[in-house]
C-alpha atoms as a PDB file:
ATOM      1  CA  MET A   1      -2.943 -15.107   8.384  1.00  0.00           C
ATOM      2  CA  LEU A   2      -1.970 -15.323  12.097  1.00  0.00           C
ATOM      3  CA  LEU A   3       0.612 -12.413  13.031  1.00  0.00           C
ATOM      4  CA  SER A   4       2.239 -11.546  16.282  1.00  0.00           C
ATOM      5  CA  ASP A   5       5.071  -9.280  16.949  1.00  0.00           C
ATOM      6  CA  ASN A   6       7.231 -10.139  20.113  1.00  0.00           C
ATOM      7  CA  HIS A   7      10.006  -8.032  21.555  1.00  0.00           C
ATOM      8  CA  ASN A   8      12.507 -10.845  20.329  1.00  0.00           C
ATOM      9  CA  GLY A   9      13.651  -9.138  17.314  1.00  0.00           C
ATOM     10  CA  GLY A  10      10.421  -9.463  15.489  1.00  0.00           C
ATOM     11  CA  HIS A  11      10.369 -13.264  15.783  1.00  0.00           C
ATOM     12  CA  GLY A  12       7.191 -15.030  16.765  1.00  0.00           C
ATOM     13  CA  VAL A  13       4.139 -16.701  15.227  1.00  0.00           C
ATOM     14  CA  GLY A  14       4.067 -15.863  11.739  1.00  0.00           C
ATOM     15  CA  ALA A  15       1.521 -16.583   8.893  1.00  0.00           C
ATOM     16  CA  VAL A  16       1.080 -20.311   9.254  1.00  0.00           C
ATOM     17  CA  GLY A  17       1.662 -22.194   5.882  1.00  0.00           C
ATOM     18  CA  SER A  18       1.876 -25.620   7.233  1.00  0.00           C
ATOM     19  CA  PRO A  19       1.455 -27.110  10.646  1.00  0.00           C
ATOM     20  CA  GLY A  20       4.191 -25.789  12.919  1.00  0.00           C
ATOM     21  CA  GLU A  21       5.816 -23.506  10.569  1.00  0.00           C
ATOM     22  CA  ALA A  22       5.853 -19.861  11.819  1.00  0.00           C
ATOM     23  CA  ARG A  23       7.402 -16.883   9.953  1.00  0.00           C
ATOM     24  CA  PRO A  24       9.313 -13.941  11.374  1.00  0.00           C
ATOM     25  CA  ILE A  25       7.115 -11.067  11.487  1.00  0.00           C
ATOM     26  CA  TYR A  26       9.790  -9.000   9.395  1.00  0.00           C
ATOM     27  CA  GLU A  27       9.368 -11.491   6.267  1.00  0.00           C
ATOM     28  CA  LEU A  28       5.832 -10.688   6.664  1.00  0.00           C
ATOM     29  CA  LYS A  29       6.137  -7.141   6.647  1.00  0.00           C
ATOM     30  CA  ALA A  30       8.331  -7.667   3.464  1.00  0.00           C
ATOM     31  CA  GLU A  31       5.557  -9.440   1.703  1.00  0.00           C
ATOM     32  CA  LEU A  32       3.266  -6.506   2.677  1.00  0.00           C
ATOM     33  CA  PHE A  33       5.372  -3.880   1.182  1.00  0.00           C
ATOM     34  CA  ARG A  34       6.333  -6.033  -1.772  1.00  0.00           C
ATOM     35  CA  ALA A  35       2.461  -6.079  -2.527  1.00  0.00           C
ATOM     36  CA  LEU A  36       2.344  -2.158  -2.162  1.00  0.00           C
ATOM     37  CA  ALA A  37       5.128  -2.143  -4.116  1.00  0.00           C
ATOM     38  CA  HIS A  38       3.580  -0.680  -7.475  1.00  0.00           C
ATOM     39  CA  PRO A  39       2.164   2.614  -8.343  1.00  0.00           C
ATOM     40  CA  ALA A  40      -1.166   1.565  -9.708  1.00  0.00           C
ATOM     41  CA  ARG A  41      -1.483  -0.604  -6.656  1.00  0.00           C
ATOM     42  CA  ILE A  42      -1.202   2.263  -4.491  1.00  0.00           C
ATOM     43  CA  ARG A  43      -3.073   4.565  -6.345  1.00  0.00           C
ATOM     44  CA  ALA A  44      -5.765   2.113  -6.414  1.00  0.00           C
ATOM     45  CA  LEU A  45      -5.801   1.613  -2.382  1.00  0.00           C
ATOM     46  CA  GLU A  46      -5.815   5.517  -2.066  1.00  0.00           C
ATOM     47  CA  VAL A  47      -9.146   5.568  -4.243  1.00  0.00           C
ATOM     48  CA  LEU A  48     -10.525   2.596  -2.394  1.00  0.00           C
ATOM     49  CA  VAL A  49      -9.712   4.599   0.884  1.00  0.00           C
ATOM     50  CA  GLY A  50     -12.687   6.668  -0.024  1.00  0.00           C
ATOM     51  CA  GLY A  51     -15.122   3.644  -0.447  1.00  0.00           C
ATOM     52  CA  GLU A  52     -15.607   0.215  -2.471  1.00  0.00           C
ATOM     53  CA  ARG A  53     -15.384   0.667  -6.171  1.00  0.00           C
ATOM     54  CA  SER A  54     -15.577  -1.824  -9.286  1.00  0.00           C
ATOM     55  CA  VAL A  55     -12.880  -2.131 -11.936  1.00  0.00           C
ATOM     56  CA  GLY A  56     -14.851   0.442 -13.929  1.00  0.00           C
ATOM     57  CA  GLU A  57     -15.294   3.101 -11.404  1.00  0.00           C
ATOM     58  CA  LEU A  58     -11.500   2.626 -10.447  1.00  0.00           C
ATOM     59  CA  GLN A  59     -10.090   2.808 -14.014  1.00  0.00           C
ATOM     60  CA  PRO A  60     -10.173   6.656 -14.906  1.00  0.00           C
ATOM     61  CA  GLU A  61      -8.919   7.238 -11.318  1.00  0.00           C
ATOM     62  CA  VAL A  62      -6.069   4.830 -11.480  1.00  0.00           C
ATOM     63  CA  GLY A  63      -5.394   5.731 -15.215  1.00  0.00           C
ATOM     64  CA  ILE A  64      -4.318   2.295 -16.547  1.00  0.00           C
ATOM     65  CA  GLU A  65      -5.961  -0.007 -18.696  1.00  0.00           C
ATOM     66  CA  SER A  66      -9.024  -1.956 -17.000  1.00  0.00           C
ATOM     67  CA  SER A  67      -7.107  -5.651 -17.714  1.00  0.00           C
ATOM     68  CA  HIS A  68      -3.918  -4.441 -16.217  1.00  0.00           C
ATOM     69  CA  LEU A  69      -6.008  -2.758 -13.338  1.00  0.00           C
ATOM     70  CA  SER A  70      -7.556  -6.034 -12.455  1.00  0.00           C
ATOM     71  CA  GLN A  71      -4.417  -7.984 -12.613  1.00  0.00           C
ATOM     72  CA  GLN A  72      -3.146  -5.212 -10.112  1.00  0.00           C
ATOM     73  CA  LEU A  73      -6.232  -5.508  -7.831  1.00  0.00           C
ATOM     74  CA  GLY A  74      -5.495  -9.314  -7.853  1.00  0.00           C
ATOM     75  CA  VAL A  75      -2.314  -9.021  -6.512  1.00  0.00           C
ATOM     76  CA  LEU A  76      -3.764  -6.827  -3.591  1.00  0.00           C
ATOM     77  CA  ARG A  77      -6.717  -9.404  -2.997  1.00  0.00           C
ATOM     78  CA  ARG A  78      -4.044 -12.364  -2.839  1.00  0.00           C
ATOM     79  CA  ALA A  79      -2.030 -10.292  -0.221  1.00  0.00           C
ATOM     80  CA  GLY A  80      -5.186  -9.913   1.689  1.00  0.00           C
ATOM     81  CA  LEU A  81      -5.260  -6.212   1.251  1.00  0.00           C
ATOM     82  CA  VAL A  82      -8.713  -5.782  -0.278  1.00  0.00           C
ATOM     83  CA  THR A  83     -11.814  -7.820  -0.195  1.00  0.00           C
ATOM     84  CA  THR A  84     -14.196  -8.525  -3.265  1.00  0.00           C
ATOM     85  CA  ARG A  85     -18.038  -8.952  -3.543  1.00  0.00           C
ATOM     86  CA  LYS A  86     -20.008  -9.473  -6.753  1.00  0.00           C
ATOM     87  CA  GLU A  87     -22.675  -7.156  -7.559  1.00  0.00           C
ATOM     88  CA  GLY A  88     -24.348  -8.341 -10.772  1.00  0.00           C
ATOM     89  CA  ALA A  89     -21.580  -8.650 -13.428  1.00  0.00           C
ATOM     90  CA  SER A  90     -19.356  -6.434 -11.569  1.00  0.00           C
ATOM     91  CA  VAL A  91     -16.541  -7.316  -8.973  1.00  0.00           C
ATOM     92  CA  ILE A  92     -16.747  -4.639  -6.081  1.00  0.00           C
ATOM     93  CA  TYR A  93     -13.175  -4.034  -4.430  1.00  0.00           C
ATOM     94  CA  ALA A  94     -12.717  -2.648  -0.903  1.00  0.00           C
ATOM     95  CA  ILE A  95     -10.099  -2.167   1.657  1.00  0.00           C
ATOM     96  CA  ARG A  96      -9.743  -5.035   4.116  1.00  0.00           C
ATOM     97  CA  ASP A  97      -8.628  -3.163   7.203  1.00  0.00           C
ATOM     98  CA  PRO A  98      -8.859   0.572   7.638  1.00  0.00           C
ATOM     99  CA  GLN A  99      -5.482   0.704   9.164  1.00  0.00           C
ATOM    100  CA  LEU A 100      -4.001   0.453   5.407  1.00  0.00           C
ATOM    101  CA  ALA A 101      -5.629   3.976   5.050  1.00  0.00           C
ATOM    102  CA  ASP A 102      -3.239   5.153   7.900  1.00  0.00           C
ATOM    103  CA  LEU A 103      -0.228   3.525   6.605  1.00  0.00           C
ATOM    104  CA  LEU A 104      -0.814   5.089   3.206  1.00  0.00           C
ATOM    105  CA  ALA A 105      -1.210   8.467   5.119  1.00  0.00           C
ATOM    106  CA  VAL A 106       2.044   7.892   7.384  1.00  0.00           C
ATOM    107  CA  ALA A 107       3.660   7.203   3.758  1.00  0.00           C
ATOM    108  CA  LYS A 108       2.589  10.384   2.430  1.00  0.00           C
ATOM    109  CA  ASP A 109       3.581  12.368   5.426  1.00  0.00           C
ATOM    110  CA  MET A 110       6.915  10.853   5.257  1.00  0.00           C
ATOM    111  CA  LEU A 111       7.576  11.643   1.710  1.00  0.00           C
ATOM    112  CA  ILE A 112       6.182  15.336   2.272  1.00  0.00           C
ATOM    113  CA  THR A 113       8.690  16.043   5.234  1.00  0.00           C
ATOM    114  CA  SER A 114      11.633  14.661   3.150  1.00  0.00           C
ATOM    115  CA  LEU A 115      10.574  16.706  -0.173  1.00  0.00           C
ATOM    116  CA  SER A 116      10.340  19.579   2.212  1.00  0.00           C
ATOM    117  CA  ARG A 117      13.684  19.197   3.602  1.00  0.00           C
ATOM    118  CA  THR A 118      15.228  18.676   0.343  1.00  0.00           C
ATOM    119  CA  GLN A 119      13.196  22.056  -1.027  1.00  0.00           C
ATOM    120  CA  ASP A 120      14.823  23.852   2.072  1.00  0.00           C
ATOM    121  CA  LEU A 121      18.252  22.592   1.122  1.00  0.00           C
ATOM    122  CA  LEU A 122      17.904  23.460  -2.280  1.00  0.00           C
ATOM    123  CA  GLU A 123      16.598  27.147  -1.323  1.00  0.00           C
ATOM    124  CA  GLY A 124      19.570  27.229   0.967  1.00  0.00           C
ATOM    125  CA  LEU A 125      21.951  26.549  -1.869  1.00  0.00           C
ATOM    126  CA  ARG A 126      20.423  28.997  -4.316  1.00  0.00           C
ATOM    127  CA  ALA A 127      20.659  31.861  -1.830  1.00  0.00           C
ATOM    128  CA  GLU A 128      24.332  30.897  -1.428  1.00  0.00           C
ATOM    129  CA  ALA A 129      24.708  31.080  -5.178  1.00  0.00           C
ATOM    130  CA  SER A 130      23.083  34.337  -5.562  1.00  0.00           C
ATOM    131  CA  PRO A 131      25.380  37.207  -5.901  1.00  0.00           C
ATOM    132  CA  GLU A 132      24.457  39.823  -3.594  1.00  0.00           C
END
């Protein structure tokens, strides 16, 4: 997949599906976020940040049935987010790009900040509602 982000509204060389076909970077970003848009896929990636794992090793930490986990890992593989290799009868998964760990960490930080603000608002409302 070829990606380029220029300063013309995100249009540039996108993934090339056929000769001469370029897609805007914002479409490719949307595809990335669609690939991430499932709790089991996010959890699998969080576990894989710690190192490569087989489906059997991932399953207890992700907490879904192995066949369903395999389907979700297939989505991540087709999206180019994880790599696979065979080790005996097992398929071993790994994160393709270490920047994915950064993306997951930034998302977590954003959520923590948002939840902290909500908690502060809630505490303020409770303080206003409390009789003195």
